Amino acid sequence: MTRNEMRRLSWKAGLVAGVLLALSPALAVAQQAQTPYAMATLYEVREDINCNPGDSTAPNCADGAKGFGVRIADATLTGNIFSQTQTDFVGPVTLDASSILNQRDWTGPVHGKMTLQTGVRATFSGQLNLSLAMLGTPPAPLAPLSGKWQGTKGTLHAGGDFSGVFLIPVPLGCSRETAPGCFYLELGAEGKPTGQFLPLQAEEYTGAGAGLVKLMVVFFNN
């Protein structure tokens, strides 16, 4: 691993911890005392949404009864896992996740599995919070999540806490072809939103030109 990659990993860990510090101080302080086992950047390439009651498939269940029911979603994300300390849990990865969120507060459980190209597998479960994106004034395009993960196959004998944050492209429905394109909310050195926005890079769009939801996550080995 190069020195630049090591600096980038350290920055990612601090960024995610900073977001958690703003949202859940006790969790962030506990995790800041740990050394990250691995970090990952992933992009959501598929999301199937079912709003119940109703038949909406919109991310915010827009045509349903406001503040009532649940939002059920199944998603696939792809990306890479990096580490400064180990070589078993690194490389290209596919993450499959399911979540059920209460539309009153936009929080709820999430669980799923991770499969690396090496054959290593892991499961995870935790809590997802979409309230900042759905209820914020103005909406903040961030969605924190945290929970537990565990290696289940291959050479991986590790597990523990994880924490992360989804960055949602804005404006909603933006595309590469629609000037000025899509933006992520900028997070400062301590992981706190700066109020500024950064344009998506070319690889952060789908082949059809839509902006991808980005997940930055840190894994700890307890």
C-alpha atoms as a PDB file:
ATOM      1  CA  MET A   1       0.000   0.000   0.000  1.00  0.00           C
ATOM      2  CA  THR A   2       1.353   3.427  -0.945  1.00  0.00           C
ATOM      3  CA  ARG A   3       1.719   6.356   1.438  1.00  0.00           C
ATOM      4  CA  ASN A   4      -1.041   8.221  -0.401  1.00  0.00           C
ATOM      5  CA  GLU A   5      -3.389   5.258   0.047  1.00  0.00           C
ATOM      6  CA  MET A   6      -2.568   5.111   3.752  1.00  0.00           C
ATOM      7  CA  ARG A   7      -3.307   8.815   4.154  1.00  0.00           C
ATOM      8  CA  ARG A   8      -6.593   8.374   2.291  1.00  0.00           C
ATOM      9  CA  LEU A   9      -7.645   5.500   4.533  1.00  0.00           C
ATOM     10  CA  SER A  10      -6.866   7.493   7.671  1.00  0.00           C
ATOM     11  CA  TRP A  11      -8.899  10.390   6.308  1.00  0.00           C
ATOM     12  CA  LYS A  12     -11.858   8.098   5.585  1.00  0.00           C
ATOM     13  CA  ALA A  13     -11.819   6.708   9.111  1.00  0.00           C
ATOM     14  CA  GLY A  14     -11.745  10.213  10.577  1.00  0.00           C
ATOM     15  CA  LEU A  15     -14.481  11.377   8.230  1.00  0.00           C
ATOM     16  CA  VAL A  16     -16.899   8.605   9.169  1.00  0.00           C
ATOM     17  CA  ALA A  17     -16.088   9.004  12.869  1.00  0.00           C
ATOM     18  CA  GLY A  18     -16.767  12.725  12.555  1.00  0.00           C
ATOM     19  CA  VAL A  19     -20.197  12.141  11.055  1.00  0.00           C
ATOM     20  CA  LEU A  20     -20.992   9.722  13.873  1.00  0.00           C
ATOM     21  CA  LEU A  21     -19.720  12.198  16.466  1.00  0.00           C
ATOM     22  CA  ALA A  22     -22.242  14.741  15.219  1.00  0.00           C
ATOM     23  CA  LEU A  23     -25.070  12.186  15.166  1.00  0.00           C
ATOM     24  CA  SER A  24     -24.230   9.741  17.984  1.00  0.00           C
ATOM     25  CA  PRO A  25     -21.442  11.048  20.272  1.00  0.00           C
ATOM     26  CA  ALA A  26     -21.242   7.958  22.488  1.00  0.00           C
ATOM     27  CA  LEU A  27     -20.810   5.581  19.550  1.00  0.00           C
ATOM     28  CA  ALA A  28     -18.256   7.811  17.833  1.00  0.00           C
ATOM     29  CA  VAL A  29     -16.102   8.287  20.936  1.00  0.00           C
ATOM     30  CA  ALA A  30     -16.061   4.527  21.573  1.00  0.00           C
ATOM     31  CA  GLN A  31     -15.008   3.760  18.013  1.00  0.00           C
ATOM     32  CA  GLN A  32     -12.404   6.520  17.791  1.00  0.00           C
ATOM     33  CA  ALA A  33     -10.448   4.606  20.441  1.00  0.00           C
ATOM     34  CA  GLN A  34     -10.220   1.583  18.125  1.00  0.00           C
ATOM     35  CA  THR A  35      -7.938   0.974  15.174  1.00  0.00           C
ATOM     36  CA  PRO A  36      -9.934   0.385  11.979  1.00  0.00           C
ATOM     37  CA  TYR A  37      -9.681  -3.174  10.684  1.00  0.00           C
ATOM     38  CA  ALA A  38     -10.745  -2.131   7.176  1.00  0.00           C
ATOM     39  CA  MET A  39     -12.483   0.661   5.281  1.00  0.00           C
ATOM     40  CA  ALA A  40     -14.583   0.600   2.143  1.00  0.00           C
ATOM     41  CA  THR A  41     -16.075   2.846  -0.508  1.00  0.00           C
ATOM     42  CA  LEU A  42     -19.054   1.380  -2.324  1.00  0.00           C
ATOM     43  CA  TYR A  43     -21.678   2.585  -4.795  1.00  0.00           C
ATOM     44  CA  GLU A  44     -25.313   1.556  -4.935  1.00  0.00           C
ATOM     45  CA  VAL A  45     -25.916  -0.038  -8.349  1.00  0.00           C
ATOM     46  CA  ARG A  46     -29.408  -1.393  -7.627  1.00  0.00           C
ATOM     47  CA  GLU A  47     -32.251  -0.547  -5.260  1.00  0.00           C
ATOM     48  CA  ASP A  48     -35.754  -2.033  -5.340  1.00  0.00           C
ATOM     49  CA  ILE A  49     -38.223  -0.179  -3.132  1.00  0.00           C
ATOM     50  CA  ASN A  50     -41.650  -1.249  -1.878  1.00  0.00           C
ATOM     51  CA  CYS A  51     -43.678   1.235   0.158  1.00  0.00           C
ATOM     52  CA  ASN A  52     -46.339  -0.425   2.308  1.00  0.00           C
ATOM     53  CA  PRO A  53     -49.180   0.390   2.311  1.00  0.00           C
ATOM     54  CA  GLY A  54     -49.501   1.550  -1.282  1.00  0.00           C
ATOM     55  CA  ASP A  55     -47.615   0.701  -4.431  1.00  0.00           C
ATOM     56  CA  SER A  56     -45.028   3.496  -4.533  1.00  0.00           C
ATOM     57  CA  THR A  57     -41.472   2.673  -5.612  1.00  0.00           C
ATOM     58  CA  ALA A  58     -40.158   6.218  -5.009  1.00  0.00           C
ATOM     59  CA  PRO A  59     -37.211   6.543  -2.564  1.00  0.00           C
ATOM     60  CA  ASN A  60     -39.339   8.749  -0.286  1.00  0.00           C
ATOM     61  CA  CYS A  61     -42.604   6.811  -0.792  1.00  0.00           C
ATOM     62  CA  ALA A  62     -43.971  10.095  -2.108  1.00  0.00           C
ATOM     63  CA  ASP A  63     -47.426   8.947  -3.188  1.00  0.00           C
ATOM     64  CA  GLY A  64     -48.248   7.158   0.051  1.00  0.00           C
ATOM     65  CA  ALA A  65     -49.803   8.464   3.262  1.00  0.00           C
ATOM     66  CA  LYS A  66     -47.200  10.810   4.760  1.00  0.00           C
ATOM     67  CA  GLY A  67     -45.665   9.494   7.986  1.00  0.00           C
ATOM     68  CA  PHE A  68     -47.446   6.165   7.812  1.00  0.00           C
ATOM     69  CA  GLY A  69     -46.294   2.642   6.983  1.00  0.00           C
ATOM     70  CA  VAL A  70     -42.878   1.252   6.116  1.00  0.00           C
ATOM     71  CA  ARG A  71     -40.316   1.496   3.338  1.00  0.00           C
ATOM     72  CA  ILE A  72     -38.871  -1.886   2.354  1.00  0.00           C
ATOM     73  CA  ALA A  73     -35.756  -1.868   0.176  1.00  0.00           C
ATOM     74  CA  ASP A  74     -33.344  -4.398  -1.308  1.00  0.00           C
ATOM     75  CA  ALA A  75     -30.089  -3.027  -2.688  1.00  0.00           C
ATOM     76  CA  THR A  76     -26.797  -4.075  -4.248  1.00  0.00           C
ATOM     77  CA  LEU A  77     -23.587  -2.092  -3.841  1.00  0.00           C
ATOM     78  CA  THR A  78     -20.178  -2.682  -5.379  1.00  0.00           C
ATOM     79  CA  GLY A  79     -16.782  -1.236  -4.519  1.00  0.00           C
ATOM     80  CA  ASN A  80     -13.505  -1.955  -2.764  1.00  0.00           C
ATOM     81  CA  ILE A  81     -12.342  -2.725   0.756  1.00  0.00           C
ATOM     82  CA  PHE A  82      -8.937  -1.416   1.919  1.00  0.00           C
ATOM     83  CA  SER A  83      -6.828  -1.965   5.017  1.00  0.00           C
ATOM     84  CA  GLN A  84      -3.575  -0.845   6.595  1.00  0.00           C
ATOM     85  CA  THR A  85      -3.367  -3.783   8.984  1.00  0.00           C
ATOM     86  CA  GLN A  86      -4.451  -7.032   7.266  1.00  0.00           C
ATOM     87  CA  THR A  87      -4.814  -8.765   3.895  1.00  0.00           C
ATOM     88  CA  ASP A  88      -7.726 -11.187   4.423  1.00  0.00           C
ATOM     89  CA  PHE A  89     -10.569  -8.674   4.122  1.00  0.00           C
ATOM     90  CA  VAL A  90      -9.518  -6.511   1.172  1.00  0.00           C
ATOM     91  CA  GLY A  91     -10.329  -6.157  -2.519  1.00  0.00           C
ATOM     92  CA  PRO A  92     -13.350  -5.807  -4.800  1.00  0.00           C
ATOM     93  CA  VAL A  93     -16.602  -6.576  -2.976  1.00  0.00           C
ATOM     94  CA  THR A  94     -20.330  -6.902  -3.627  1.00  0.00           C
ATOM     95  CA  LEU A  95     -22.720  -6.018  -0.817  1.00  0.00           C
ATOM     96  CA  ASP A  96     -26.366  -7.125  -0.783  1.00  0.00           C
ATOM     97  CA  ALA A  97     -28.594  -5.418   1.779  1.00  0.00           C
ATOM     98  CA  SER A  98     -32.220  -5.284   2.885  1.00  0.00           C
ATOM     99  CA  SER A  99     -33.813  -2.644   5.107  1.00  0.00           C
ATOM    100  CA  ILE A 100     -37.228  -1.886   6.611  1.00  0.00           C
ATOM    101  CA  LEU A 101     -37.686   1.743   7.659  1.00  0.00           C
ATOM    102  CA  ASN A 102     -40.536   3.273   9.625  1.00  0.00           C
ATOM    103  CA  GLN A 103     -41.892   6.239   7.659  1.00  0.00           C
ATOM    104  CA  ARG A 104     -42.559   8.214  10.844  1.00  0.00           C
ATOM    105  CA  ASP A 105     -38.894   8.644  11.775  1.00  0.00           C
ATOM    106  CA  TRP A 106     -37.191   7.008   8.742  1.00  0.00           C
ATOM    107  CA  THR A 107     -35.090   4.633  10.816  1.00  0.00           C
ATOM    108  CA  GLY A 108     -35.026   0.857  10.985  1.00  0.00           C
ATOM    109  CA  PRO A 109     -33.026  -2.356  10.716  1.00  0.00           C
ATOM    110  CA  VAL A 110     -30.694  -3.267   7.875  1.00  0.00           C
ATOM    111  CA  HIS A 111     -28.949  -6.575   7.237  1.00  0.00           C
ATOM    112  CA  GLY A 112     -27.176  -8.424   4.469  1.00  0.00           C
ATOM    113  CA  LYS A 113     -23.976 -10.018   3.232  1.00  0.00           C
ATOM    114  CA  MET A 114     -20.661  -9.074   1.632  1.00  0.00           C
ATOM    115  CA  THR A 115     -18.890 -11.238  -0.935  1.00  0.00           C
ATOM    116  CA  LEU A 116     -15.308 -10.508  -1.990  1.00  0.00           C
ATOM    117  CA  GLN A 117     -13.828 -11.656  -5.283  1.00  0.00           C
ATOM    118  CA  THR A 118     -11.460 -13.853  -3.254  1.00  0.00           C
ATOM    119  CA  GLY A 119     -14.426 -15.886  -1.967  1.00  0.00           C
ATOM    120  CA  VAL A 120     -14.315 -14.356   1.504  1.00  0.00           C
ATOM    121  CA  ARG A 121     -17.790 -13.654   2.855  1.00  0.00           C
ATOM    122  CA  ALA A 122     -19.230 -11.739   5.780  1.00  0.00           C
ATOM    123  CA  THR A 123     -22.653 -10.885   7.149  1.00  0.00           C
ATOM    124  CA  PHE A 124     -23.814  -7.670   8.810  1.00  0.00           C
ATOM    125  CA  SER A 125     -26.814  -6.251  10.648  1.00  0.00           C
ATOM    126  CA  GLY A 126     -27.534  -2.858  12.147  1.00  0.00           C
ATOM    127  CA  GLN A 127     -29.585   0.319  11.964  1.00  0.00           C
ATOM    128  CA  LEU A 128     -30.050   2.736   9.055  1.00  0.00           C
ATOM    129  CA  ASN A 129     -31.132   6.355   9.558  1.00  0.00           C
ATOM    130  CA  LEU A 130     -32.658   8.177   6.570  1.00  0.00           C
ATOM    131  CA  SER A 131     -34.227  10.944   8.644  1.00  0.00           C
ATOM    132  CA  LEU A 132     -31.641  13.576   7.681  1.00  0.00           C
ATOM    133  CA  ALA A 133     -32.408  13.044   4.003  1.00  0.00           C
ATOM    134  CA  MET A 134     -36.181  12.785   4.433  1.00  0.00           C
ATOM    135  CA  LEU A 135     -36.999  15.167   7.295  1.00  0.00           C
ATOM    136  CA  GLY A 136     -34.129  17.675   7.355  1.00  0.00           C
ATOM    137  CA  THR A 137     -34.834  21.361   6.773  1.00  0.00           C
ATOM    138  CA  PRO A 138     -33.336  21.698   4.256  1.00  0.00           C
ATOM    139  CA  PRO A 139     -32.836  17.960   3.689  1.00  0.00           C
ATOM    140  CA  ALA A 140     -29.255  16.833   4.340  1.00  0.00           C
ATOM    141  CA  PRO A 141     -28.252  14.194   1.769  1.00  0.00           C
ATOM    142  CA  LEU A 142     -26.642  11.932   4.389  1.00  0.00           C
ATOM    143  CA  ALA A 143     -27.774   8.612   5.837  1.00  0.00           C
ATOM    144  CA  PRO A 144     -25.683   7.132   8.690  1.00  0.00           C
ATOM    145  CA  LEU A 145     -25.719   3.463   9.587  1.00  0.00           C
ATOM    146  CA  SER A 146     -23.976   1.298  12.178  1.00  0.00           C
ATOM    147  CA  GLY A 147     -24.056  -2.218  13.526  1.00  0.00           C
ATOM    148  CA  LYS A 148     -22.179  -5.526  13.697  1.00  0.00           C
ATOM    149  CA  TRP A 149     -20.395  -7.613  11.056  1.00  0.00           C
ATOM    150  CA  GLN A 150     -18.886 -11.096  11.053  1.00  0.00           C
ATOM    151  CA  GLY A 151     -16.717 -13.084   8.658  1.00  0.00           C
ATOM    152  CA  THR A 152     -18.402 -16.338   7.637  1.00  0.00           C
ATOM    153  CA  LYS A 153     -16.325 -18.044   4.935  1.00  0.00           C
ATOM    154  CA  GLY A 154     -12.772 -18.309   3.669  1.00  0.00           C
ATOM    155  CA  THR A 155      -9.720 -17.057   5.530  1.00  0.00           C
ATOM    156  CA  LEU A 156     -11.626 -14.335   7.400  1.00  0.00           C
ATOM    157  CA  HIS A 157     -11.822 -14.912  11.160  1.00  0.00           C
ATOM    158  CA  ALA A 158     -12.850 -11.449  12.258  1.00  0.00           C
ATOM    159  CA  GLY A 159     -15.876  -9.404  13.195  1.00  0.00           C
ATOM    160  CA  GLY A 160     -17.076  -6.525  15.299  1.00  0.00           C
ATOM    161  CA  ASP A 161     -18.637  -3.107  14.934  1.00  0.00           C
ATOM    162  CA  PHE A 162     -19.025  -1.150  11.720  1.00  0.00           C
ATOM    163  CA  SER A 163     -20.147   2.401  11.008  1.00  0.00           C
ATOM    164  CA  GLY A 164     -20.694   4.321   7.827  1.00  0.00           C
ATOM    165  CA  VAL A 165     -22.533   7.049   5.989  1.00  0.00           C
ATOM    166  CA  PHE A 166     -24.375   7.163   2.680  1.00  0.00           C
ATOM    167  CA  LEU A 167     -23.819  10.263   0.534  1.00  0.00           C
ATOM    168  CA  ILE A 168     -26.879  10.919  -1.642  1.00  0.00           C
ATOM    169  CA  PRO A 169     -26.408  12.820  -4.938  1.00  0.00           C
ATOM    170  CA  VAL A 170     -28.196  16.167  -5.147  1.00  0.00           C
ATOM    171  CA  PRO A 171     -30.351  17.474  -6.556  1.00  0.00           C
ATOM    172  CA  LEU A 172     -32.528  14.373  -6.432  1.00  0.00           C
ATOM    173  CA  GLY A 173     -33.016  13.020  -9.926  1.00  0.00           C
ATOM    174  CA  CYS A 174     -29.888  14.743 -11.238  1.00  0.00           C
ATOM    175  CA  SER A 175     -27.870  13.321 -14.123  1.00  0.00           C
ATOM    176  CA  ARG A 176     -24.522  13.815 -15.819  1.00  0.00           C
ATOM    177  CA  GLU A 177     -26.259  15.280 -18.857  1.00  0.00           C
ATOM    178  CA  THR A 178     -28.245  17.868 -16.905  1.00  0.00           C
ATOM    179  CA  ALA A 179     -26.039  20.875 -16.165  1.00  0.00           C
ATOM    180  CA  PRO A 180     -24.396  21.336 -13.756  1.00  0.00           C
ATOM    181  CA  GLY A 181     -24.659  17.615 -12.965  1.00  0.00           C
ATOM    182  CA  CYS A 182     -24.779  15.931  -9.551  1.00  0.00           C
ATOM    183  CA  PHE A 183     -23.116  16.797  -6.230  1.00  0.00           C
ATOM    184  CA  TYR A 184     -22.295  15.157  -2.891  1.00  0.00           C
ATOM    185  CA  LEU A 185     -22.432  17.146   0.319  1.00  0.00           C
ATOM    186  CA  GLU A 186     -18.838  17.933   1.293  1.00  0.00           C
ATOM    187  CA  LEU A 187     -17.594  16.589   4.617  1.00  0.00           C
ATOM    188  CA  GLY A 188     -14.761  18.421   6.322  1.00  0.00           C
ATOM    189  CA  ALA A 189     -11.603  17.050   7.942  1.00  0.00           C
ATOM    190  CA  GLU A 190     -13.553  16.072  11.080  1.00  0.00           C
ATOM    191  CA  GLY A 191     -16.362  14.507   9.080  1.00  0.00           C
ATOM    192  CA  LYS A 192     -18.805  17.349   9.664  1.00  0.00           C
ATOM    193  CA  PRO A 193     -20.779  18.793   6.719  1.00  0.00           C
ATOM    194  CA  THR A 194     -19.226  22.029   5.486  1.00  0.00           C
ATOM    195  CA  GLY A 195     -22.359  23.264   3.728  1.00  0.00           C
ATOM    196  CA  GLN A 196     -20.515  23.071   0.407  1.00  0.00           C
ATOM    197  CA  PHE A 197     -20.994  20.526  -2.382  1.00  0.00           C
ATOM    198  CA  LEU A 198     -18.538  18.563  -4.527  1.00  0.00           C
ATOM    199  CA  PRO A 199     -19.280  17.443  -8.109  1.00  0.00           C
ATOM    200  CA  LEU A 200     -19.375  13.728  -8.763  1.00  0.00           C
ATOM    201  CA  GLN A 201     -16.433  12.207 -10.614  1.00  0.00           C
ATOM    202  CA  ALA A 202     -16.957  10.365 -13.906  1.00  0.00           C
ATOM    203  CA  GLU A 203     -16.919   6.948 -12.199  1.00  0.00           C
ATOM    204  CA  GLU A 204     -19.637   8.061  -9.760  1.00  0.00           C
ATOM    205  CA  TYR A 205     -22.317   7.990 -12.461  1.00  0.00           C
ATOM    206  CA  THR A 206     -24.143   4.996 -13.887  1.00  0.00           C
ATOM    207  CA  GLY A 207     -23.713   4.078 -17.536  1.00  0.00           C
ATOM    208  CA  ALA A 208     -27.005   5.855 -18.150  1.00  0.00           C
ATOM    209  CA  GLY A 209     -25.663   9.029 -16.508  1.00  0.00           C
ATOM    210  CA  ALA A 210     -27.489   8.972 -13.157  1.00  0.00           C
ATOM    211  CA  GLY A 211     -25.612   9.874  -9.964  1.00  0.00           C
ATOM    212  CA  LEU A 212     -24.737   6.942  -7.698  1.00  0.00           C
ATOM    213  CA  VAL A 213     -25.425   6.816  -3.968  1.00  0.00           C
ATOM    214  CA  LYS A 214     -22.029   6.456  -2.252  1.00  0.00           C
ATOM    215  CA  LEU A 215     -21.328   4.523   0.959  1.00  0.00           C
ATOM    216  CA  MET A 216     -18.219   5.101   3.077  1.00  0.00           C
ATOM    217  CA  VAL A 217     -17.844   2.560   5.888  1.00  0.00           C
ATOM    218  CA  VAL A 218     -15.299   1.605   8.561  1.00  0.00           C
ATOM    219  CA  PHE A 219     -15.019  -1.922  10.013  1.00  0.00           C
ATOM    220  CA  PHE A 220     -13.598  -2.732  13.435  1.00  0.00           C
ATOM    221  CA  ASN A 221     -12.396  -6.130  14.704  1.00  0.00           C
ATOM    222  CA  ASN A 222     -13.484  -6.624  18.299  1.00  0.00           C
END
